[in-house]
Amino acid sequence: MGSNKNTNEIIYMINGVPVNALEIARRFNLLNKSSFQHSDAVEYIRSTTGACVMETATTIANIKKDPKIRENI
């Protein structure tokens, strides 16, 4: 997990693949949905990174509680 000086990027490493967690949060509206409504985000992360379901679920939970993401949404 890391941050770029550009507030449009908050990079998470998932399964060795860098992904823009801020973009995922915005694209799938993660801060406004319950954990049962993330199937599109889960599928996107899995298809992009090849991560397992557990790793993907953990990533989504981390994105939802990341204060840097909350500040930039």
PDB file of N, CA and C in Angstrom:
ATOM      1  N   MET A   1       0.849  -1.161   0.000  1.00  0.00           N
ATOM      2  CA  MET A   1       0.000   0.000   0.000  1.00  0.00           C
ATOM      3  C   MET A   1       0.894   1.223   0.000  1.00  0.00           C
ATOM      4  N   GLY A   2       0.558   2.214  -0.779  1.00  0.00           N
ATOM      5  CA  GLY A   2       1.360   3.411  -0.841  1.00  0.00           C
ATOM      6  C   GLY A   2       0.551   4.550  -1.408  1.00  0.00           C
ATOM      7  N   SER A   3       1.169   5.675  -1.481  1.00  0.00           N
ATOM      8  CA  SER A   3       0.485   6.845  -1.992  1.00  0.00           C
ATOM      9  C   SER A   3       1.400   7.584  -2.951  1.00  0.00           C
ATOM     10  N   ASN A   4       0.813   8.167  -3.953  1.00  0.00           N
ATOM     11  CA  ASN A   4       1.525   8.980  -4.914  1.00  0.00           C
ATOM     12  C   ASN A   4       1.210  10.435  -4.584  1.00  0.00           C
ATOM     13  N   LYS A   5       2.096  11.361  -4.939  1.00  0.00           N
ATOM     14  CA  LYS A   5       1.822  12.771  -4.687  1.00  0.00           C
ATOM     15  C   LYS A   5       0.586  13.233  -5.453  1.00  0.00           C
ATOM     16  N   ASN A   6       0.287  12.586  -6.551  1.00  0.00           N
ATOM     17  CA  ASN A   6      -0.914  12.881  -7.314  1.00  0.00           C
ATOM     18  C   ASN A   6      -2.103  12.298  -6.561  1.00  0.00           C
ATOM     19  N   THR A   7      -3.059  13.123  -6.152  1.00  0.00           N
ATOM     20  CA  THR A   7      -4.183  12.628  -5.354  1.00  0.00           C
ATOM     21  C   THR A   7      -5.158  11.789  -6.169  1.00  0.00           C
ATOM     22  N   ASN A   8      -4.882  11.569  -7.432  1.00  0.00           N
ATOM     23  CA  ASN A   8      -5.713  10.687  -8.232  1.00  0.00           C
ATOM     24  C   ASN A   8      -5.232   9.251  -8.159  1.00  0.00           C
ATOM     25  N   GLU A   9      -4.151   9.012  -7.409  1.00  0.00           N
ATOM     26  CA  GLU A   9      -3.607   7.664  -7.307  1.00  0.00           C
ATOM     27  C   GLU A   9      -3.267   7.319  -5.867  1.00  0.00           C
ATOM     28  N   ILE A  10      -3.767   6.210  -5.421  1.00  0.00           N
ATOM     29  CA  ILE A  10      -3.330   5.578  -4.182  1.00  0.00           C
ATOM     30  C   ILE A  10      -3.104   4.130  -4.572  1.00  0.00           C
ATOM     31  N   ILE A  11      -1.853   3.760  -4.659  1.00  0.00           N
ATOM     32  CA  ILE A  11      -1.483   2.474  -5.229  1.00  0.00           C
ATOM     33  C   ILE A  11      -1.442   1.387  -4.154  1.00  0.00           C
ATOM     34  N   TYR A  12      -2.127   0.296  -4.424  1.00  0.00           N
ATOM     35  CA  TYR A  12      -2.065  -0.911  -3.607  1.00  0.00           C
ATOM     36  C   TYR A  12      -1.411  -1.985  -4.469  1.00  0.00           C
ATOM     37  N   MET A  13      -0.594  -2.794  -3.849  1.00  0.00           N
ATOM     38  CA  MET A  13      -0.029  -3.950  -4.537  1.00  0.00           C
ATOM     39  C   MET A  13      -0.919  -5.148  -4.202  1.00  0.00           C
ATOM     40  N   ILE A  14      -1.501  -5.726  -5.221  1.00  0.00           N
ATOM     41  CA  ILE A  14      -2.384  -6.878  -5.042  1.00  0.00           C
ATOM     42  C   ILE A  14      -1.831  -8.007  -5.889  1.00  0.00           C
ATOM     43  N   ASN A  15      -1.431  -9.068  -5.221  1.00  0.00           N
ATOM     44  CA  ASN A  15      -0.883 -10.221  -5.924  1.00  0.00           C
ATOM     45  C   ASN A  15       0.302  -9.812  -6.803  1.00  0.00           C
ATOM     46  N   GLY A  16       1.061  -8.823  -6.334  1.00  0.00           N
ATOM     47  CA  GLY A  16       2.223  -8.352  -7.076  1.00  0.00           C
ATOM     48  C   GLY A  16       1.911  -7.384  -8.205  1.00  0.00           C
ATOM     49  N   VAL A  17       0.653  -6.978  -8.333  1.00  0.00           N
ATOM     50  CA  VAL A  17       0.226  -6.079  -9.408  1.00  0.00           C
ATOM     51  C   VAL A  17      -0.195  -4.744  -8.795  1.00  0.00           C
ATOM     52  N   PRO A  18       0.367  -3.625  -9.257  1.00  0.00           N
ATOM     53  CA  PRO A  18      -0.065  -2.329  -8.723  1.00  0.00           C
ATOM     54  C   PRO A  18      -1.437  -1.934  -9.276  1.00  0.00           C
ATOM     55  N   VAL A  19      -2.317  -1.542  -8.382  1.00  0.00           N
ATOM     56  CA  VAL A  19      -3.642  -1.065  -8.801  1.00  0.00           C
ATOM     57  C   VAL A  19      -3.926   0.255  -8.092  1.00  0.00           C
ATOM     58  N   ASN A  20      -4.700   1.093  -8.741  1.00  0.00           N
ATOM     59  CA  ASN A  20      -5.068   2.383  -8.179  1.00  0.00           C
ATOM     60  C   ASN A  20      -6.308   2.194  -7.312  1.00  0.00           C
ATOM     61  N   ALA A  21      -6.099   2.084  -6.007  1.00  0.00           N
ATOM     62  CA  ALA A  21      -7.200   1.825  -5.073  1.00  0.00           C
ATOM     63  C   ALA A  21      -8.200   2.978  -5.058  1.00  0.00           C
ATOM     64  N   LEU A  22      -7.723   4.196  -5.230  1.00  0.00           N
ATOM     65  CA  LEU A  22      -8.627   5.343  -5.252  1.00  0.00           C
ATOM     66  C   LEU A  22      -9.571   5.257  -6.445  1.00  0.00           C
ATOM     67  N   GLU A  23      -9.039   4.896  -7.594  1.00  0.00           N
ATOM     68  CA  GLU A  23      -9.877   4.747  -8.787  1.00  0.00           C
ATOM     69  C   GLU A  23     -10.901   3.628  -8.597  1.00  0.00           C
ATOM     70  N   ILE A  24     -10.492   2.529  -7.998  1.00  0.00           N
ATOM     71  CA  ILE A  24     -11.427   1.422  -7.739  1.00  0.00           C
ATOM     72  C   ILE A  24     -12.535   1.891  -6.798  1.00  0.00           C
ATOM     73  N   ALA A  25     -12.175   2.620  -5.745  1.00  0.00           N
ATOM     74  CA  ALA A  25     -13.170   3.127  -4.799  1.00  0.00           C
ATOM     75  C   ALA A  25     -14.170   4.040  -5.496  1.00  0.00           C
ATOM     76  N   ARG A  26     -13.664   4.899  -6.367  1.00  0.00           N
ATOM     77  CA  ARG A  26     -14.551   5.813  -7.103  1.00  0.00           C
ATOM     78  C   ARG A  26     -15.395   5.069  -8.132  1.00  0.00           C
ATOM     79  N   ARG A  27     -14.766   4.230  -8.902  1.00  0.00           N
ATOM     80  CA  ARG A  27     -15.446   3.532  -9.996  1.00  0.00           C
ATOM     81  C   ARG A  27     -16.590   2.663  -9.498  1.00  0.00           C
ATOM     82  N   PHE A  28     -16.364   1.988  -8.374  1.00  0.00           N
ATOM     83  CA  PHE A  28     -17.374   1.068  -7.857  1.00  0.00           C
ATOM     84  C   PHE A  28     -18.113   1.626  -6.649  1.00  0.00           C
ATOM     85  N   ASN A  29     -17.900   2.896  -6.341  1.00  0.00           N
ATOM     86  CA  ASN A  29     -18.620   3.574  -5.269  1.00  0.00           C
ATOM     87  C   ASN A  29     -18.532   2.789  -3.957  1.00  0.00           C
ATOM     88  N   LEU A  30     -17.325   2.325  -3.626  1.00  0.00           N
ATOM     89  CA  LEU A  30     -17.151   1.416  -2.501  1.00  0.00           C
ATOM     90  C   LEU A  30     -17.501   2.017  -1.154  1.00  0.00           C
ATOM     91  N   LEU A  31     -17.355   3.306  -0.996  1.00  0.00           N
ATOM     92  CA  LEU A  31     -17.625   3.888   0.312  1.00  0.00           C
ATOM     93  C   LEU A  31     -19.106   4.033   0.596  1.00  0.00           C
ATOM     94  N   ASN A  32     -19.944   3.819  -0.387  1.00  0.00           N
ATOM     95  CA  ASN A  32     -21.383   3.985  -0.205  1.00  0.00           C
ATOM     96  C   ASN A  32     -22.169   2.686  -0.330  1.00  0.00           C
ATOM     97  N   LYS A  33     -21.481   1.554  -0.325  1.00  0.00           N
ATOM     98  CA  LYS A  33     -22.170   0.277  -0.501  1.00  0.00           C
ATOM     99  C   LYS A  33     -21.827  -0.668   0.637  1.00  0.00           C
ATOM    100  N   SER A  34     -22.764  -1.554   0.917  1.00  0.00           N
ATOM    101  CA  SER A  34     -22.483  -2.581   1.916  1.00  0.00           C
ATOM    102  C   SER A  34     -21.544  -3.620   1.318  1.00  0.00           C
ATOM    103  N   SER A  35     -20.935  -4.410   2.161  1.00  0.00           N
ATOM    104  CA  SER A  35     -19.960  -5.394   1.691  1.00  0.00           C
ATOM    105  C   SER A  35     -20.598  -6.456   0.796  1.00  0.00           C
ATOM    106  N   PHE A  36     -21.898  -6.568   0.807  1.00  0.00           N
ATOM    107  CA  PHE A  36     -22.567  -7.575  -0.023  1.00  0.00           C
ATOM    108  C   PHE A  36     -22.835  -7.082  -1.442  1.00  0.00           C
ATOM    109  N   GLN A  37     -22.494  -5.837  -1.734  1.00  0.00           N
ATOM    110  CA  GLN A  37     -22.778  -5.263  -3.048  1.00  0.00           C
ATOM    111  C   GLN A  37     -21.507  -4.976  -3.839  1.00  0.00           C
ATOM    112  N   HIS A  38     -20.450  -5.715  -3.581  1.00  0.00           N
ATOM    113  CA  HIS A  38     -19.172  -5.432  -4.218  1.00  0.00           C
ATOM    114  C   HIS A  38     -18.796  -6.427  -5.306  1.00  0.00           C
ATOM    115  N   SER A  39     -19.729  -7.170  -5.825  1.00  0.00           N
ATOM    116  CA  SER A  39     -19.367  -8.222  -6.772  1.00  0.00           C
ATOM    117  C   SER A  39     -18.653  -7.683  -8.007  1.00  0.00           C
ATOM    118  N   ASP A  40     -19.030  -6.518  -8.496  1.00  0.00           N
ATOM    119  CA  ASP A  40     -18.347  -5.940  -9.656  1.00  0.00           C
ATOM    120  C   ASP A  40     -16.907  -5.567  -9.321  1.00  0.00           C
ATOM    121  N   ALA A  41     -16.693  -4.993  -8.147  1.00  0.00           N
ATOM    122  CA  ALA A  41     -15.338  -4.635  -7.728  1.00  0.00           C
ATOM    123  C   ALA A  41     -14.496  -5.881  -7.518  1.00  0.00           C
ATOM    124  N   VAL A  42     -15.071  -6.896  -6.893  1.00  0.00           N
ATOM    125  CA  VAL A  42     -14.357  -8.159  -6.684  1.00  0.00           C
ATOM    126  C   VAL A  42     -13.937  -8.747  -8.019  1.00  0.00           C
ATOM    127  N   GLU A  43     -14.843  -8.809  -8.953  1.00  0.00           N
ATOM    128  CA  GLU A  43     -14.532  -9.389 -10.259  1.00  0.00           C
ATOM    129  C   GLU A  43     -13.481  -8.570 -10.994  1.00  0.00           C
ATOM    130  N   TYR A  44     -13.572  -7.259 -10.906  1.00  0.00           N
ATOM    131  CA  TYR A  44     -12.579  -6.396 -11.554  1.00  0.00           C
ATOM    132  C   TYR A  44     -11.188  -6.648 -10.980  1.00  0.00           C
ATOM    133  N   ILE A  45     -11.071  -6.651  -9.658  1.00  0.00           N
ATOM    134  CA  ILE A  45      -9.771  -6.863  -9.026  1.00  0.00           C
ATOM    135  C   ILE A  45      -9.235  -8.253  -9.350  1.00  0.00           C
ATOM    136  N   ARG A  46     -10.093  -9.262  -9.280  1.00  0.00           N
ATOM    137  CA  ARG A  46      -9.648 -10.627  -9.577  1.00  0.00           C
ATOM    138  C   ARG A  46      -9.179 -10.741 -11.017  1.00  0.00           C
ATOM    139  N   SER A  47      -9.916 -10.155 -11.952  1.00  0.00           N
ATOM    140  CA  SER A  47      -9.534 -10.283 -13.362  1.00  0.00           C
ATOM    141  C   SER A  47      -8.283  -9.472 -13.685  1.00  0.00           C
ATOM    142  N   THR A  48      -8.067  -8.376 -12.978  1.00  0.00           N
ATOM    143  CA  THR A  48      -6.907  -7.526 -13.221  1.00  0.00           C
ATOM    144  C   THR A  48      -5.639  -8.089 -12.597  1.00  0.00           C
ATOM    145  N   THR A  49      -5.774  -8.697 -11.422  1.00  0.00           N
ATOM    146  CA  THR A  49      -4.589  -9.093 -10.659  1.00  0.00           C
ATOM    147  C   THR A  49      -4.405 -10.601 -10.527  1.00  0.00           C
ATOM    148  N   GLY A  50      -5.453 -11.375 -10.770  1.00  0.00           N
ATOM    149  CA  GLY A  50      -5.378 -12.816 -10.557  1.00  0.00           C
ATOM    150  C   GLY A  50      -5.428 -13.204  -9.090  1.00  0.00           C
ATOM    151  N   ALA A  51      -5.810 -12.257  -8.232  1.00  0.00           N
ATOM    152  CA  ALA A  51      -5.858 -12.510  -6.790  1.00  0.00           C
ATOM    153  C   ALA A  51      -6.999 -13.457  -6.442  1.00  0.00           C
ATOM    154  N   CYS A  52      -6.836 -14.165  -5.342  1.00  0.00           N
ATOM    155  CA  CYS A  52      -7.893 -15.060  -4.860  1.00  0.00           C
ATOM    156  C   CYS A  52      -9.017 -14.233  -4.231  1.00  0.00           C
ATOM    157  N   VAL A  53     -10.137 -14.880  -3.979  1.00  0.00           N
ATOM    158  CA  VAL A  53     -11.301 -14.192  -3.426  1.00  0.00           C
ATOM    159  C   VAL A  53     -10.981 -13.579  -2.058  1.00  0.00           C
ATOM    160  N   MET A  54     -10.271 -14.313  -1.210  1.00  0.00           N
ATOM    161  CA  MET A  54      -9.962 -13.811   0.130  1.00  0.00           C
ATOM    162  C   MET A  54      -9.078 -12.566   0.056  1.00  0.00           C
ATOM    163  N   GLU A  55      -8.068 -12.595  -0.797  1.00  0.00           N
ATOM    164  CA  GLU A  55      -7.197 -11.434  -0.945  1.00  0.00           C
ATOM    165  C   GLU A  55      -7.965 -10.243  -1.497  1.00  0.00           C
ATOM    166  N   THR A  56      -8.867 -10.509  -2.419  1.00  0.00           N
ATOM    167  CA  THR A  56      -9.683  -9.448  -3.005  1.00  0.00           C
ATOM    168  C   THR A  56     -10.615  -8.846  -1.963  1.00  0.00           C
ATOM    169  N   ALA A  57     -11.254  -9.684  -1.168  1.00  0.00           N
ATOM    170  CA  ALA A  57     -12.154  -9.199  -0.115  1.00  0.00           C
ATOM    171  C   ALA A  57     -11.388  -8.368   0.915  1.00  0.00           C
ATOM    172  N   THR A  58     -10.200  -8.814   1.268  1.00  0.00           N
ATOM    173  CA  THR A  58      -9.370  -8.069   2.208  1.00  0.00           C
ATOM    174  C   THR A  58      -8.990  -6.711   1.632  1.00  0.00           C
ATOM    175  N   THR A  59      -8.660  -6.685   0.356  1.00  0.00           N
ATOM    176  CA  THR A  59      -8.300  -5.426  -0.310  1.00  0.00           C
ATOM    177  C   THR A  59      -9.465  -4.456  -0.284  1.00  0.00           C
ATOM    178  N   ILE A  60     -10.660  -4.932  -0.586  1.00  0.00           N
ATOM    179  CA  ILE A  60     -11.837  -4.057  -0.585  1.00  0.00           C
ATOM    180  C   ILE A  60     -12.087  -3.511   0.818  1.00  0.00           C
ATOM    181  N   ALA A  61     -11.950  -4.352   1.833  1.00  0.00           N
ATOM    182  CA  ALA A  61     -12.115  -3.886   3.213  1.00  0.00           C
ATOM    183  C   ALA A  61     -11.087  -2.812   3.545  1.00  0.00           C
ATOM    184  N   ASN A  62      -9.846  -3.011   3.101  1.00  0.00           N
ATOM    185  CA  ASN A  62      -8.796  -2.021   3.353  1.00  0.00           C
ATOM    186  C   ASN A  62      -9.063  -0.712   2.621  1.00  0.00           C
ATOM    187  N   ILE A  63      -9.552  -0.803   1.406  1.00  0.00           N
ATOM    188  CA  ILE A  63      -9.886   0.398   0.634  1.00  0.00           C
ATOM    189  C   ILE A  63     -10.979   1.181   1.353  1.00  0.00           C
ATOM    190  N   LYS A  64     -11.989   0.483   1.832  1.00  0.00           N
ATOM    191  CA  LYS A  64     -13.113   1.156   2.486  1.00  0.00           C
ATOM    192  C   LYS A  64     -12.706   1.897   3.756  1.00  0.00           C
ATOM    193  N   LYS A  65     -11.702   1.396   4.463  1.00  0.00           N
ATOM    194  CA  LYS A  65     -11.330   2.053   5.722  1.00  0.00           C
ATOM    195  C   LYS A  65     -10.060   2.903   5.615  1.00  0.00           C
ATOM    196  N   ASP A  66      -9.486   3.017   4.440  1.00  0.00           N
ATOM    197  CA  ASP A  66      -8.271   3.802   4.244  1.00  0.00           C
ATOM    198  C   ASP A  66      -8.590   5.297   4.333  1.00  0.00           C
ATOM    199  N   PRO A  67      -8.043   6.000   5.323  1.00  0.00           N
ATOM    200  CA  PRO A  67      -8.363   7.426   5.461  1.00  0.00           C
ATOM    201  C   PRO A  67      -7.904   8.270   4.267  1.00  0.00           C
ATOM    202  N   LYS A  68      -6.826   7.868   3.590  1.00  0.00           N
ATOM    203  CA  LYS A  68      -6.359   8.614   2.412  1.00  0.00           C
ATOM    204  C   LYS A  68      -7.400   8.553   1.300  1.00  0.00           C
ATOM    205  N   ILE A  69      -8.056   7.425   1.176  1.00  0.00           N
ATOM    206  CA  ILE A  69      -9.091   7.293   0.146  1.00  0.00           C
ATOM    207  C   ILE A  69     -10.309   8.127   0.536  1.00  0.00           C
ATOM    208  N   ARG A  70     -10.714   8.033   1.778  1.00  0.00           N
ATOM    209  CA  ARG A  70     -11.857   8.819   2.248  1.00  0.00           C
ATOM    210  C   ARG A  70     -11.640  10.327   2.031  1.00  0.00           C
ATOM    211  N   GLU A  71     -10.417  10.793   2.226  1.00  0.00           N
ATOM    212  CA  GLU A  71     -10.103  12.215   2.039  1.00  0.00           C
ATOM    213  C   GLU A  71     -10.201  12.636   0.579  1.00  0.00           C
ATOM    214  N   ASN A  72      -9.963  11.723  -0.333  1.00  0.00           N
ATOM    215  CA  ASN A  72      -9.864  12.071  -1.759  1.00  0.00           C
ATOM    216  C   ASN A  72     -11.076  11.674  -2.593  1.00  0.00           C
ATOM    217  N   ILE A  73     -12.077  11.098  -1.982  1.00  0.00           N
ATOM    218  CA  ILE A  73     -13.286  10.721  -2.742  1.00  0.00           C
ATOM    219  C   ILE A  73     -14.147  11.947  -2.957  1.00  0.00           C
TER     220      ILE A  73
END
